[in-house]
Amino acid sequence: MSATHNKTLRVTLYKSPIGAIQSHRACVRGLGLKRMHHVVEVIDTPENRGMINKVSHLVRVV
């Protein structure tokens, strides 16, 4: 068996989602971001990349 090496992305919340629409707030929470300048590592999957693209105006990939 070969081991899978999952690449990760470090995502930081740089702008508050308070004024954003509900689906954008849900994406931020789905990525695991809880507060401003919070950094999380998420696995690089098409689903996570889609959420990052949707809220690209709120987050930065470090």
C-alpha atoms as a PDB file:
ATOM      1  CA  MET A   1       0.000   0.000   0.000  1.00  0.00           C
ATOM      2  CA  SER A   2       1.217   3.489  -0.749  1.00  0.00           C
ATOM      3  CA  ALA A   3       0.750   6.228   1.784  1.00  0.00           C
ATOM      4  CA  THR A   4      -1.242   9.218   0.594  1.00  0.00           C
ATOM      5  CA  HIS A   5       0.423  12.544   1.151  1.00  0.00           C
ATOM      6  CA  ASN A   6      -2.364  15.050   1.557  1.00  0.00           C
ATOM      7  CA  LYS A   7      -1.268  18.586   0.846  1.00  0.00           C
ATOM      8  CA  THR A   8      -2.663  21.268   3.082  1.00  0.00           C
ATOM      9  CA  LEU A   9      -3.472  24.935   2.671  1.00  0.00           C
ATOM     10  CA  ARG A  10      -3.050  27.470   5.466  1.00  0.00           C
ATOM     11  CA  VAL A  11      -6.043  29.802   5.426  1.00  0.00           C
ATOM     12  CA  THR A  12      -6.333  33.012   7.468  1.00  0.00           C
ATOM     13  CA  LEU A  13      -9.492  35.053   8.090  1.00  0.00           C
ATOM     14  CA  TYR A  14      -8.565  38.678   7.322  1.00  0.00           C
ATOM     15  CA  LYS A  15     -11.950  40.354   7.034  1.00  0.00           C
ATOM     16  CA  SER A  16     -14.980  39.974   9.234  1.00  0.00           C
ATOM     17  CA  PRO A  17     -17.865  37.950   7.768  1.00  0.00           C
ATOM     18  CA  ILE A  18     -20.439  39.925   9.787  1.00  0.00           C
ATOM     19  CA  GLY A  19     -21.775  41.866   6.779  1.00  0.00           C
ATOM     20  CA  ALA A  20     -21.437  38.946   4.374  1.00  0.00           C
ATOM     21  CA  ILE A  21     -24.337  36.866   3.112  1.00  0.00           C
ATOM     22  CA  GLN A  22     -25.260  33.719   5.003  1.00  0.00           C
ATOM     23  CA  SER A  23     -23.710  31.265   2.537  1.00  0.00           C
ATOM     24  CA  HIS A  24     -20.359  33.077   2.785  1.00  0.00           C
ATOM     25  CA  ARG A  25     -20.493  32.953   6.592  1.00  0.00           C
ATOM     26  CA  ALA A  26     -21.242  29.235   6.321  1.00  0.00           C
ATOM     27  CA  CYS A  27     -18.166  28.728   4.120  1.00  0.00           C
ATOM     28  CA  VAL A  28     -15.979  30.547   6.628  1.00  0.00           C
ATOM     29  CA  ARG A  29     -17.279  28.319   9.422  1.00  0.00           C
ATOM     30  CA  GLY A  30     -16.953  25.254   7.202  1.00  0.00           C
ATOM     31  CA  LEU A  31     -13.284  26.017   6.731  1.00  0.00           C
ATOM     32  CA  GLY A  32     -12.919  26.052  10.529  1.00  0.00           C
ATOM     33  CA  LEU A  33     -12.247  29.777  10.878  1.00  0.00           C
ATOM     34  CA  LYS A  34     -13.689  31.152  14.094  1.00  0.00           C
ATOM     35  CA  ARG A  35     -12.252  34.645  14.605  1.00  0.00           C
ATOM     36  CA  MET A  36     -10.230  37.349  12.895  1.00  0.00           C
ATOM     37  CA  HIS A  37      -6.608  36.423  12.055  1.00  0.00           C
ATOM     38  CA  HIS A  38      -7.335  32.781  12.923  1.00  0.00           C
ATOM     39  CA  VAL A  39      -5.150  30.425  10.856  1.00  0.00           C
ATOM     40  CA  VAL A  40      -6.244  26.872  10.027  1.00  0.00           C
ATOM     41  CA  GLU A  41      -4.788  24.151   7.845  1.00  0.00           C
ATOM     42  CA  VAL A  42      -7.265  22.467   5.522  1.00  0.00           C
ATOM     43  CA  ILE A  43      -6.650  19.565   3.174  1.00  0.00           C
ATOM     44  CA  ASP A  44      -6.239  20.657  -0.433  1.00  0.00           C
ATOM     45  CA  THR A  45      -9.418  19.215  -1.972  1.00  0.00           C
ATOM     46  CA  PRO A  46     -11.696  20.608  -4.698  1.00  0.00           C
ATOM     47  CA  GLU A  47     -14.411  21.184  -2.072  1.00  0.00           C
ATOM     48  CA  ASN A  48     -12.152  23.263   0.162  1.00  0.00           C
ATOM     49  CA  ARG A  49     -10.756  25.177  -2.811  1.00  0.00           C
ATOM     50  CA  GLY A  50     -14.323  25.995  -3.859  1.00  0.00           C
ATOM     51  CA  MET A  51     -15.126  27.386  -0.415  1.00  0.00           C
ATOM     52  CA  ILE A  52     -11.895  29.412  -0.416  1.00  0.00           C
ATOM     53  CA  ASN A  53     -12.721  30.819  -3.870  1.00  0.00           C
ATOM     54  CA  LYS A  54     -16.232  31.735  -2.736  1.00  0.00           C
ATOM     55  CA  VAL A  55     -14.959  33.768   0.214  1.00  0.00           C
ATOM     56  CA  SER A  56     -11.684  34.936  -1.338  1.00  0.00           C
ATOM     57  CA  HIS A  57     -12.520  38.520  -0.365  1.00  0.00           C
ATOM     58  CA  LEU A  58     -12.540  37.483   3.325  1.00  0.00           C
ATOM     59  CA  VAL A  59      -9.611  35.061   3.551  1.00  0.00           C
ATOM     60  CA  ARG A  60      -5.988  34.745   2.480  1.00  0.00           C
ATOM     61  CA  VAL A  61      -4.059  31.580   1.748  1.00  0.00           C
ATOM     62  CA  VAL A  62      -0.684  31.785   3.466  1.00  0.00           C
END
